[in-house]
């Protein structure tokens, strides 16, 4: 069974929600789980600079748990997953993330693992989503059979020249897009859902 823990994003703004997210990710994995941090939605030149911040964010584990971290690389990704308990796919650019994941057989490569995602990482694995960057509905990889809106009802994009996001309009657009039978998860920042499959 693979456990998916999908987060809406902006964990740095909500430390208590971040702690709850991490506690859910490491639940049942013993005292020394291994986390693979995937920054494929970020520019490659930023990975080493950013990894420290993600370690800090994800390093506040529950008492008695010590998480070890490894930075993911596309050319070693499948081998790195094999020696990890958790695959954490951080957010960023939806297009860049989809491009970097296009060669991998999802969900086969992480079967039996915990897959934790944030924002664009969540968009990647769901069936359909509304992207805050492009403000349109899109198809995800369909691993998790839901619709998803990250950063819901937040100030995401408040300084965007297009103006603030109309969240109710975004919800209606996703509701009427594609498979209308799928449940919609429009999560406020820092919130997450757990799906086992």
N, C-alpha and C. Protein backbone atom coordinates (compact mmCIF):
# COMPACT_ATOMS: atom_id res chain seq x y z
N UNK A 1 0.84 -1.19 0.00
CA UNK A 1 0.00 0.00 0.00
C UNK A 1 0.89 1.25 0.00
N UNK A 2 0.52 2.23 -0.79
CA UNK A 2 1.22 3.51 -0.83
C UNK A 2 0.37 4.55 -0.11
N UNK A 3 1.01 5.32 0.73
CA UNK A 3 0.32 6.37 1.48
C UNK A 3 0.66 7.72 0.86
N UNK A 4 -0.37 8.46 0.48
CA UNK A 4 -0.19 9.80 -0.08
C UNK A 4 -0.64 10.83 0.95
N UNK A 5 0.22 11.81 1.20
CA UNK A 5 -0.10 12.91 2.11
C UNK A 5 0.05 14.18 1.29
N UNK A 6 -1.09 14.72 0.84
CA UNK A 6 -1.10 15.85 -0.07
C UNK A 6 -1.35 17.15 0.69
N UNK A 7 -0.41 18.08 0.57
CA UNK A 7 -0.48 19.36 1.26
C UNK A 7 -0.77 20.47 0.27
N UNK A 8 -1.43 21.51 0.76
CA UNK A 8 -1.81 22.64 -0.08
C UNK A 8 -0.66 23.61 -0.34
N UNK A 9 0.37 23.60 0.50
CA UNK A 9 1.52 24.48 0.29
C UNK A 9 1.67 25.53 1.38
N UNK A 10 2.74 26.32 1.26
CA UNK A 10 3.06 27.43 2.17
C UNK A 10 3.27 26.97 3.60
N UNK A 11 3.91 25.82 3.78
CA UNK A 11 4.13 25.28 5.12
C UNK A 11 4.97 26.20 6.01
N UNK A 12 5.88 26.95 5.41
CA UNK A 12 6.74 27.83 6.21
C UNK A 12 5.93 28.88 6.96
N UNK A 13 4.78 29.24 6.43
CA UNK A 13 3.94 30.25 7.07
C UNK A 13 3.16 29.70 8.26
N UNK A 14 3.06 28.37 8.35
CA UNK A 14 2.22 27.74 9.37
C UNK A 14 2.99 26.63 10.07
N UNK A 15 3.89 26.97 11.01
CA UNK A 15 4.72 25.95 11.66
C UNK A 15 3.94 24.83 12.33
N UNK A 16 2.81 25.16 12.97
CA UNK A 16 2.04 24.11 13.64
C UNK A 16 1.45 23.13 12.63
N UNK A 17 0.97 23.65 11.51
CA UNK A 17 0.46 22.76 10.46
C UNK A 17 1.60 21.94 9.87
N UNK A 18 2.78 22.56 9.76
CA UNK A 18 3.94 21.84 9.25
C UNK A 18 4.33 20.69 10.16
N UNK A 19 4.24 20.89 11.47
CA UNK A 19 4.53 19.81 12.42
C UNK A 19 3.52 18.67 12.29
N UNK A 20 2.25 19.02 12.13
CA UNK A 20 1.22 17.99 11.96
C UNK A 20 1.44 17.21 10.67
N UNK A 21 1.82 17.92 9.61
CA UNK A 21 2.11 17.29 8.31
C UNK A 21 3.26 16.29 8.46
N UNK A 22 4.35 16.73 9.08
CA UNK A 22 5.50 15.84 9.26
C UNK A 22 5.15 14.65 10.15
N UNK A 23 4.39 14.89 11.22
CA UNK A 23 3.99 13.79 12.10
C UNK A 23 3.20 12.74 11.33
N UNK A 24 2.34 13.18 10.41
CA UNK A 24 1.57 12.23 9.59
C UNK A 24 2.48 11.48 8.63
N UNK A 25 3.44 12.17 8.05
CA UNK A 25 4.35 11.55 7.08
C UNK A 25 5.16 10.43 7.73
N UNK A 26 5.67 10.67 8.93
CA UNK A 26 6.57 9.70 9.57
C UNK A 26 5.84 8.66 10.42
N UNK A 27 4.54 8.81 10.57
CA UNK A 27 3.76 7.89 11.41
C UNK A 27 3.96 6.44 10.98
N UNK A 28 4.35 5.62 11.94
CA UNK A 28 4.49 4.19 11.69
C UNK A 28 5.76 3.77 10.97
N UNK A 29 6.71 4.70 10.77
CA UNK A 29 7.93 4.37 10.03
C UNK A 29 9.13 4.10 10.92
N UNK A 30 8.90 4.04 12.24
CA UNK A 30 10.00 3.75 13.16
C UNK A 30 10.80 4.99 13.52
N UNK A 31 11.89 4.78 14.26
CA UNK A 31 12.64 5.92 14.80
C UNK A 31 13.56 6.63 13.80
N UNK A 32 13.89 5.99 12.68
CA UNK A 32 14.87 6.57 11.75
C UNK A 32 14.41 6.52 10.29
N UNK A 33 13.29 7.16 9.95
CA UNK A 33 12.85 7.13 8.55
C UNK A 33 13.78 7.95 7.65
N UNK A 34 13.83 7.54 6.39
CA UNK A 34 14.68 8.21 5.39
C UNK A 34 13.78 8.95 4.40
N UNK A 35 14.03 10.26 4.27
CA UNK A 35 13.22 11.09 3.38
C UNK A 35 14.04 11.56 2.19
N UNK A 36 13.48 11.35 1.01
CA UNK A 36 14.07 11.82 -0.24
C UNK A 36 13.36 13.13 -0.62
N UNK A 37 14.10 14.23 -0.64
CA UNK A 37 13.50 15.54 -0.93
C UNK A 37 13.67 15.85 -2.41
N UNK A 38 12.54 15.96 -3.09
CA UNK A 38 12.50 16.17 -4.54
C UNK A 38 12.16 17.63 -4.83
N UNK A 39 13.11 18.36 -5.37
CA UNK A 39 12.92 19.78 -5.71
C UNK A 39 12.82 19.99 -7.22
N UNK A 40 12.28 19.01 -7.92
CA UNK A 40 12.23 19.06 -9.38
C UNK A 40 11.39 20.22 -9.92
N UNK A 41 10.54 20.81 -9.09
CA UNK A 41 9.72 21.94 -9.54
C UNK A 41 10.45 23.27 -9.37
N UNK A 42 11.69 23.21 -8.91
CA UNK A 42 12.52 24.40 -8.70
C UNK A 42 13.64 24.41 -9.74
N UNK A 43 14.22 25.58 -9.96
CA UNK A 43 15.38 25.69 -10.86
C UNK A 43 16.54 24.88 -10.30
N UNK A 44 17.22 24.13 -11.15
CA UNK A 44 18.29 23.22 -10.70
C UNK A 44 19.37 23.96 -9.91
N UNK A 45 19.72 25.17 -10.33
CA UNK A 45 20.81 25.89 -9.66
C UNK A 45 20.48 26.28 -8.21
N UNK A 46 19.21 26.14 -7.82
CA UNK A 46 18.80 26.51 -6.46
C UNK A 46 18.72 25.34 -5.49
N UNK A 47 18.84 24.11 -5.97
CA UNK A 47 18.57 22.95 -5.12
C UNK A 47 19.45 22.91 -3.87
N UNK A 48 20.76 23.05 -4.04
CA UNK A 48 21.65 22.95 -2.88
C UNK A 48 21.42 24.09 -1.89
N UNK A 49 21.12 25.29 -2.39
CA UNK A 49 20.84 26.40 -1.49
C UNK A 49 19.55 26.19 -0.71
N UNK A 50 18.56 25.58 -1.35
CA UNK A 50 17.24 25.42 -0.73
C UNK A 50 17.14 24.20 0.18
N UNK A 51 17.99 23.22 -0.02
CA UNK A 51 17.83 21.96 0.71
C UNK A 51 17.92 22.18 2.23
N UNK A 52 18.75 23.12 2.66
CA UNK A 52 18.85 23.39 4.09
C UNK A 52 17.54 23.87 4.69
N UNK A 53 16.83 24.74 3.96
CA UNK A 53 15.53 25.24 4.43
C UNK A 53 14.51 24.13 4.53
N UNK A 54 14.51 23.21 3.58
CA UNK A 54 13.56 22.10 3.61
C UNK A 54 13.90 21.13 4.72
N UNK A 55 15.19 20.93 4.97
CA UNK A 55 15.59 20.08 6.10
C UNK A 55 15.11 20.69 7.42
N UNK A 56 15.25 22.01 7.53
CA UNK A 56 14.78 22.68 8.74
C UNK A 56 13.27 22.53 8.88
N UNK A 57 12.56 22.75 7.78
CA UNK A 57 11.10 22.67 7.79
C UNK A 57 10.63 21.27 8.16
N UNK A 58 11.26 20.27 7.57
CA UNK A 58 10.83 18.88 7.77
C UNK A 58 11.59 18.19 8.91
N UNK A 59 12.51 18.89 9.55
CA UNK A 59 13.34 18.26 10.57
C UNK A 59 12.77 18.28 11.97
N UNK A 60 11.65 18.95 12.18
CA UNK A 60 11.05 19.04 13.51
C UNK A 60 10.11 17.85 13.73
N UNK A 61 10.71 16.68 13.77
CA UNK A 61 9.94 15.43 13.86
C UNK A 61 9.42 15.21 15.28
N UNK A 62 8.41 14.35 15.41
CA UNK A 62 7.91 14.02 16.74
C UNK A 62 9.02 13.43 17.61
N UNK A 63 8.84 13.51 18.93
CA UNK A 63 9.83 13.00 19.87
C UNK A 63 10.12 11.53 19.60
N UNK A 64 11.40 11.19 19.60
CA UNK A 64 11.81 9.81 19.38
C UNK A 64 12.00 9.45 17.92
N UNK A 65 11.80 10.42 17.02
CA UNK A 65 11.97 10.16 15.58
C UNK A 65 13.06 11.07 15.04
N UNK A 66 14.01 10.49 14.34
CA UNK A 66 15.09 11.24 13.71
C UNK A 66 15.08 10.95 12.21
N UNK A 67 14.73 11.96 11.43
CA UNK A 67 14.59 11.78 9.98
C UNK A 67 15.92 12.10 9.31
N UNK A 68 16.36 11.24 8.41
CA UNK A 68 17.53 11.55 7.59
C UNK A 68 17.05 11.98 6.20
N UNK A 69 17.83 12.84 5.56
CA UNK A 69 17.41 13.47 4.31
C UNK A 69 18.41 13.22 3.19
N UNK A 70 17.87 13.10 1.98
CA UNK A 70 18.70 13.00 0.79
C UNK A 70 18.05 13.85 -0.30
N UNK A 71 18.88 14.54 -1.07
CA UNK A 71 18.41 15.36 -2.18
C UNK A 71 18.24 14.49 -3.42
N UNK A 72 17.06 14.55 -4.04
CA UNK A 72 16.76 13.74 -5.22
C UNK A 72 17.37 14.34 -6.48
N UNK A 73 17.81 13.46 -7.39
CA UNK A 73 18.31 13.86 -8.70
C UNK A 73 17.62 13.00 -9.75
N UNK A 74 17.18 13.59 -10.87
CA UNK A 74 16.43 12.82 -11.87
C UNK A 74 17.14 11.56 -12.37
N UNK A 75 18.45 11.64 -12.58
CA UNK A 75 19.15 10.48 -13.13
C UNK A 75 19.37 9.35 -12.12
N UNK A 76 19.14 9.63 -10.84
CA UNK A 76 19.30 8.61 -9.79
C UNK A 76 18.01 8.37 -9.03
N UNK A 77 16.94 9.01 -9.45
CA UNK A 77 15.71 9.09 -8.67
C UNK A 77 15.15 7.72 -8.28
N UNK A 78 15.03 6.83 -9.24
CA UNK A 78 14.43 5.52 -8.94
C UNK A 78 15.28 4.73 -7.95
N UNK A 79 16.60 4.80 -8.07
CA UNK A 79 17.48 4.12 -7.13
C UNK A 79 17.40 4.77 -5.75
N UNK A 80 17.30 6.10 -5.71
CA UNK A 80 17.17 6.80 -4.43
C UNK A 80 15.86 6.44 -3.73
N UNK A 81 14.79 6.29 -4.48
CA UNK A 81 13.49 5.92 -3.90
C UNK A 81 13.59 4.57 -3.19
N UNK A 82 14.31 3.63 -3.78
CA UNK A 82 14.41 2.29 -3.20
C UNK A 82 14.98 2.31 -1.80
N UNK A 83 15.88 3.23 -1.51
CA UNK A 83 16.50 3.26 -0.17
C UNK A 83 15.85 4.31 0.73
N UNK A 84 14.70 4.85 0.32
CA UNK A 84 13.97 5.85 1.10
C UNK A 84 12.65 5.29 1.60
N UNK A 85 12.17 5.84 2.70
CA UNK A 85 10.84 5.49 3.21
C UNK A 85 9.80 6.49 2.73
N UNK A 86 10.26 7.74 2.52
CA UNK A 86 9.37 8.86 2.17
C UNK A 86 9.92 9.55 0.94
N UNK A 87 9.03 9.86 -0.01
CA UNK A 87 9.37 10.72 -1.15
C UNK A 87 8.59 12.00 -0.94
N UNK A 88 9.31 13.11 -0.76
CA UNK A 88 8.66 14.41 -0.55
C UNK A 88 8.85 15.25 -1.81
N UNK A 89 7.73 15.55 -2.50
CA UNK A 89 7.77 16.32 -3.74
C UNK A 89 7.30 17.73 -3.44
N UNK A 90 8.26 18.65 -3.41
CA UNK A 90 7.93 20.03 -3.08
C UNK A 90 7.33 20.75 -4.29
N UNK A 91 6.70 21.89 -4.01
CA UNK A 91 6.03 22.66 -5.04
C UNK A 91 6.96 23.57 -5.81
N UNK A 92 6.33 24.40 -6.64
CA UNK A 92 7.05 25.30 -7.53
C UNK A 92 6.32 25.39 -8.85
N UNK A 93 7.04 25.19 -9.92
CA UNK A 93 6.53 25.34 -11.28
C UNK A 93 5.88 24.03 -11.76
N UNK A 94 4.58 24.07 -12.02
CA UNK A 94 3.86 22.87 -12.47
C UNK A 94 4.45 22.30 -13.75
N UNK A 95 4.78 23.17 -14.70
CA UNK A 95 5.29 22.70 -15.99
C UNK A 95 6.66 22.03 -15.84
N UNK A 96 7.52 22.63 -15.05
CA UNK A 96 8.85 22.07 -14.84
C UNK A 96 8.76 20.72 -14.13
N UNK A 97 7.88 20.63 -13.16
CA UNK A 97 7.70 19.38 -12.43
C UNK A 97 7.18 18.28 -13.35
N UNK A 98 6.19 18.60 -14.16
CA UNK A 98 5.64 17.61 -15.10
C UNK A 98 6.72 17.17 -16.09
N UNK A 99 7.51 18.10 -16.58
CA UNK A 99 8.58 17.75 -17.51
C UNK A 99 9.57 16.78 -16.87
N UNK A 100 9.99 17.08 -15.66
CA UNK A 100 11.00 16.24 -15.01
C UNK A 100 10.44 14.87 -14.61
N UNK A 101 9.14 14.77 -14.41
CA UNK A 101 8.52 13.49 -14.05
C UNK A 101 8.02 12.71 -15.27
N UNK A 102 8.09 13.28 -16.43
CA UNK A 102 7.49 12.65 -17.62
C UNK A 102 8.10 11.30 -17.97
N UNK A 103 9.32 11.05 -17.57
CA UNK A 103 9.98 9.78 -17.92
C UNK A 103 9.77 8.67 -16.88
N UNK A 104 9.12 9.01 -15.77
CA UNK A 104 8.96 8.02 -14.71
C UNK A 104 7.59 7.35 -14.75
N UNK A 105 7.55 6.08 -14.40
CA UNK A 105 6.33 5.28 -14.39
C UNK A 105 5.66 5.42 -13.02
N UNK A 106 4.73 6.38 -12.96
CA UNK A 106 4.00 6.61 -11.70
C UNK A 106 2.71 5.80 -11.71
N UNK A 107 2.35 5.18 -10.63
CA UNK A 107 2.94 5.19 -9.30
C UNK A 107 3.92 4.04 -9.03
N UNK A 108 4.24 3.29 -10.06
CA UNK A 108 5.06 2.09 -9.88
C UNK A 108 6.38 2.36 -9.17
N UNK A 109 7.04 3.49 -9.46
CA UNK A 109 8.38 3.72 -8.92
C UNK A 109 8.41 3.90 -7.40
N UNK A 110 7.27 4.25 -6.80
CA UNK A 110 7.27 4.47 -5.35
C UNK A 110 6.25 3.58 -4.62
N UNK A 111 5.92 2.48 -5.21
CA UNK A 111 4.94 1.57 -4.61
C UNK A 111 5.38 1.17 -3.21
N UNK A 112 4.44 1.28 -2.25
CA UNK A 112 4.70 0.89 -0.87
C UNK A 112 5.38 1.96 -0.02
N UNK A 113 5.64 3.12 -0.59
CA UNK A 113 6.30 4.20 0.14
C UNK A 113 5.27 5.21 0.65
N UNK A 114 5.74 6.18 1.44
CA UNK A 114 4.95 7.35 1.77
C UNK A 114 5.33 8.42 0.76
N UNK A 115 4.33 8.97 0.09
CA UNK A 115 4.57 10.03 -0.88
C UNK A 115 3.90 11.29 -0.33
N UNK A 116 4.73 12.24 0.06
CA UNK A 116 4.25 13.51 0.60
C UNK A 116 4.45 14.58 -0.46
N UNK A 117 3.46 15.45 -0.61
CA UNK A 117 3.53 16.46 -1.67
C UNK A 117 3.10 17.81 -1.12
N UNK A 118 3.48 18.85 -1.85
CA UNK A 118 3.09 20.20 -1.48
C UNK A 118 2.81 21.00 -2.75
N UNK A 119 1.66 21.65 -2.81
CA UNK A 119 1.29 22.57 -3.89
C UNK A 119 1.43 21.90 -5.26
N UNK A 120 2.39 22.34 -6.08
CA UNK A 120 2.56 21.75 -7.42
C UNK A 120 2.85 20.25 -7.34
N UNK A 121 3.50 19.81 -6.26
CA UNK A 121 3.72 18.38 -6.07
C UNK A 121 2.41 17.63 -5.94
N UNK A 122 1.45 18.25 -5.24
CA UNK A 122 0.11 17.66 -5.12
C UNK A 122 -0.59 17.65 -6.47
N UNK A 123 -0.46 18.75 -7.20
CA UNK A 123 -1.07 18.84 -8.54
C UNK A 123 -0.57 17.72 -9.44
N UNK A 124 0.70 17.39 -9.33
CA UNK A 124 1.30 16.36 -10.17
C UNK A 124 0.57 15.03 -10.03
N UNK A 125 0.25 14.62 -8.80
CA UNK A 125 -0.24 13.26 -8.58
C UNK A 125 -1.75 13.11 -8.70
N UNK A 126 -2.51 14.20 -8.66
CA UNK A 126 -3.97 14.08 -8.72
C UNK A 126 -4.46 13.92 -10.16
N UNK A 127 -5.74 13.62 -10.29
CA UNK A 127 -6.32 13.46 -11.63
C UNK A 127 -6.47 14.81 -12.34
N UNK A 128 -7.03 15.79 -11.67
CA UNK A 128 -7.25 17.11 -12.27
C UNK A 128 -7.04 18.18 -11.21
N UNK A 129 -6.57 19.35 -11.65
CA UNK A 129 -6.29 20.42 -10.70
C UNK A 129 -6.47 21.78 -11.34
N UNK A 130 -6.55 22.78 -10.48
CA UNK A 130 -6.57 24.18 -10.91
C UNK A 130 -5.24 24.78 -10.50
N UNK A 131 -4.47 25.28 -11.46
CA UNK A 131 -3.15 25.81 -11.17
C UNK A 131 -3.20 27.30 -10.87
N UNK A 132 -2.62 27.66 -9.73
CA UNK A 132 -2.58 29.07 -9.32
C UNK A 132 -1.67 29.89 -10.23
N UNK A 133 -0.63 29.26 -10.77
CA UNK A 133 0.29 29.98 -11.65
C UNK A 133 -0.37 30.41 -12.95
N UNK A 134 -1.08 29.48 -13.57
CA UNK A 134 -1.66 29.75 -14.90
C UNK A 134 -3.15 30.04 -14.83
N UNK A 135 -3.75 29.78 -13.67
CA UNK A 135 -5.17 30.07 -13.43
C UNK A 135 -6.09 29.37 -14.43
N UNK A 136 -5.79 28.09 -14.64
CA UNK A 136 -6.61 27.24 -15.52
C UNK A 136 -6.68 25.84 -14.91
N UNK A 137 -7.59 25.04 -15.41
CA UNK A 137 -7.69 23.64 -15.02
C UNK A 137 -6.77 22.81 -15.89
N UNK A 138 -6.21 21.79 -15.30
CA UNK A 138 -5.28 20.91 -16.03
C UNK A 138 -5.43 19.47 -15.56
N UNK A 139 -4.83 18.59 -16.33
CA UNK A 139 -4.76 17.17 -16.00
C UNK A 139 -3.47 16.90 -15.25
N UNK A 140 -3.57 16.20 -14.10
CA UNK A 140 -2.40 15.70 -13.42
C UNK A 140 -2.07 14.32 -13.94
N UNK A 141 -1.23 13.60 -13.22
CA UNK A 141 -0.85 12.25 -13.65
C UNK A 141 -1.90 11.20 -13.29
N UNK A 142 -2.89 11.58 -12.49
CA UNK A 142 -4.02 10.69 -12.22
C UNK A 142 -3.73 9.57 -11.25
N UNK A 143 -2.67 9.68 -10.47
CA UNK A 143 -2.34 8.64 -9.50
C UNK A 143 -3.38 8.59 -8.39
N UNK A 144 -3.80 9.76 -7.92
CA UNK A 144 -4.81 9.88 -6.87
C UNK A 144 -6.09 10.42 -7.52
N UNK A 145 -7.20 9.68 -7.44
CA UNK A 145 -8.42 10.05 -8.18
C UNK A 145 -9.24 11.16 -7.52
N UNK A 146 -8.67 12.34 -7.49
CA UNK A 146 -9.37 13.51 -6.94
C UNK A 146 -9.06 14.73 -7.79
N UNK A 147 -9.79 15.81 -7.52
CA UNK A 147 -9.47 17.14 -8.06
C UNK A 147 -8.88 17.95 -6.91
N UNK A 148 -8.00 18.90 -7.26
CA UNK A 148 -7.24 19.59 -6.20
C UNK A 148 -7.02 21.06 -6.54
N UNK A 149 -7.15 21.91 -5.52
CA UNK A 149 -6.78 23.32 -5.65
C UNK A 149 -5.85 23.66 -4.48
N UNK A 150 -4.57 23.95 -4.76
CA UNK A 150 -3.66 24.34 -3.68
C UNK A 150 -3.85 25.81 -3.30
N UNK A 151 -3.38 26.15 -2.11
CA UNK A 151 -3.37 27.55 -1.62
C UNK A 151 -4.76 28.17 -1.54
N UNK A 152 -5.80 27.36 -1.43
CA UNK A 152 -7.17 27.86 -1.54
C UNK A 152 -7.46 28.96 -0.52
N UNK A 153 -8.13 29.98 -1.00
CA UNK A 153 -8.61 31.10 -0.18
C UNK A 153 -7.48 31.85 0.52
N UNK A 154 -6.30 31.88 -0.11
CA UNK A 154 -5.14 32.56 0.47
C UNK A 154 -4.86 33.85 -0.31
N UNK A 155 -3.78 34.51 0.06
CA UNK A 155 -3.37 35.71 -0.68
C UNK A 155 -2.38 35.36 -1.79
N UNK A 156 -2.26 34.08 -2.15
CA UNK A 156 -1.37 33.66 -3.22
C UNK A 156 -1.66 34.49 -4.47
N UNK A 157 -0.64 35.09 -5.05
CA UNK A 157 -0.82 35.88 -6.26
C UNK A 157 -1.39 37.27 -6.03
N UNK A 158 -1.41 37.72 -4.78
CA UNK A 158 -2.03 39.02 -4.47
C UNK A 158 -1.34 40.17 -5.19
N UNK A 159 -0.05 40.05 -5.44
CA UNK A 159 0.68 41.12 -6.13
C UNK A 159 0.81 40.86 -7.63
N UNK A 160 0.13 39.85 -8.11
CA UNK A 160 0.15 39.49 -9.52
C UNK A 160 -0.51 40.58 -10.36
N UNK A 161 0.05 40.96 -11.51
CA UNK A 161 -0.58 41.99 -12.35
C UNK A 161 -1.99 41.62 -12.83
N UNK A 162 -2.31 40.31 -12.79
CA UNK A 162 -3.65 39.88 -13.20
C UNK A 162 -4.68 40.16 -12.11
N UNK A 163 -4.21 40.58 -10.93
CA UNK A 163 -5.11 40.80 -9.81
C UNK A 163 -5.20 39.57 -8.94
N UNK A 164 -5.88 39.69 -7.79
CA UNK A 164 -5.99 38.54 -6.87
C UNK A 164 -6.83 37.42 -7.49
N UNK A 165 -6.59 36.22 -7.00
CA UNK A 165 -7.33 35.05 -7.50
C UNK A 165 -8.75 35.09 -6.95
N UNK A 166 -9.70 34.82 -7.83
CA UNK A 166 -11.09 34.64 -7.42
C UNK A 166 -11.26 33.16 -7.11
N UNK A 167 -11.17 32.81 -5.84
CA UNK A 167 -11.14 31.41 -5.44
C UNK A 167 -12.46 30.69 -5.72
N UNK A 168 -13.57 31.36 -5.56
CA UNK A 168 -14.85 30.71 -5.85
C UNK A 168 -14.98 30.41 -7.34
N UNK A 169 -14.49 31.31 -8.16
CA UNK A 169 -14.50 31.07 -9.61
C UNK A 169 -13.60 29.89 -9.95
N UNK A 170 -12.43 29.83 -9.32
CA UNK A 170 -11.51 28.72 -9.54
C UNK A 170 -12.18 27.39 -9.18
N UNK A 171 -12.87 27.37 -8.05
CA UNK A 171 -13.57 26.17 -7.59
C UNK A 171 -14.63 25.74 -8.61
N UNK A 172 -15.41 26.70 -9.08
CA UNK A 172 -16.46 26.39 -10.06
C UNK A 172 -15.86 25.87 -11.37
N UNK A 173 -14.76 26.47 -11.79
CA UNK A 173 -14.11 26.02 -13.03
C UNK A 173 -13.66 24.57 -12.90
N UNK A 174 -13.05 24.22 -11.75
CA UNK A 174 -12.59 22.85 -11.56
C UNK A 174 -13.77 21.90 -11.40
N UNK A 175 -14.80 22.35 -10.74
CA UNK A 175 -16.01 21.53 -10.56
C UNK A 175 -16.61 21.12 -11.91
N UNK A 176 -16.57 22.03 -12.87
CA UNK A 176 -17.17 21.79 -14.19
C UNK A 176 -16.18 21.25 -15.21
N UNK A 177 -14.96 20.98 -14.79
CA UNK A 177 -13.91 20.51 -15.69
C UNK A 177 -13.79 18.99 -15.61
N UNK A 178 -13.64 18.36 -16.75
CA UNK A 178 -13.31 16.94 -16.78
C UNK A 178 -14.32 16.04 -16.10
N UNK A 179 -13.83 15.13 -15.27
CA UNK A 179 -14.66 14.14 -14.61
C UNK A 179 -15.40 14.78 -13.43
N UNK A 180 -16.68 15.05 -13.63
CA UNK A 180 -17.48 15.74 -12.61
C UNK A 180 -17.80 14.85 -11.41
N UNK A 181 -17.49 13.57 -11.48
CA UNK A 181 -17.77 12.67 -10.35
C UNK A 181 -16.65 12.68 -9.31
N UNK A 182 -15.52 13.26 -9.64
CA UNK A 182 -14.38 13.25 -8.71
C UNK A 182 -14.59 14.25 -7.58
N UNK A 183 -14.19 13.88 -6.36
CA UNK A 183 -14.28 14.84 -5.24
C UNK A 183 -13.24 15.95 -5.41
N UNK A 184 -13.61 17.16 -4.98
CA UNK A 184 -12.70 18.30 -5.04
C UNK A 184 -12.14 18.56 -3.64
N UNK A 185 -10.84 18.69 -3.56
CA UNK A 185 -10.18 19.06 -2.31
C UNK A 185 -9.53 20.43 -2.53
N UNK A 186 -10.17 21.46 -2.02
CA UNK A 186 -9.66 22.83 -2.08
C UNK A 186 -9.18 23.16 -0.68
N UNK A 187 -7.89 22.99 -0.46
CA UNK A 187 -7.34 23.08 0.90
C UNK A 187 -6.70 24.44 1.17
N UNK A 188 -6.94 24.94 2.36
CA UNK A 188 -6.24 26.15 2.78
C UNK A 188 -4.77 25.83 2.99
N UNK A 189 -3.94 26.84 2.92
CA UNK A 189 -2.50 26.64 3.02
C UNK A 189 -2.11 25.91 4.30
N UNK A 190 -1.19 24.97 4.16
CA UNK A 190 -0.72 24.17 5.28
C UNK A 190 -1.57 22.96 5.59
N UNK A 191 -2.81 22.92 5.09
CA UNK A 191 -3.69 21.78 5.35
C UNK A 191 -3.34 20.61 4.40
N UNK A 192 -3.68 19.41 4.82
CA UNK A 192 -3.36 18.23 4.01
C UNK A 192 -4.44 17.18 4.13
N UNK A 193 -4.42 16.25 3.18
CA UNK A 193 -5.29 15.09 3.22
C UNK A 193 -4.42 13.84 3.08
N UNK A 194 -4.94 12.72 3.58
CA UNK A 194 -4.22 11.45 3.51
C UNK A 194 -5.08 10.48 2.70
N UNK A 195 -4.44 9.84 1.72
CA UNK A 195 -5.13 8.84 0.89
C UNK A 195 -4.24 7.62 0.79
N UNK A 196 -4.76 6.47 1.19
CA UNK A 196 -4.02 5.20 1.08
C UNK A 196 -4.56 4.42 -0.11
N UNK A 197 -3.65 3.91 -0.90
CA UNK A 197 -4.09 3.08 -2.03
C UNK A 197 -3.02 2.07 -2.42
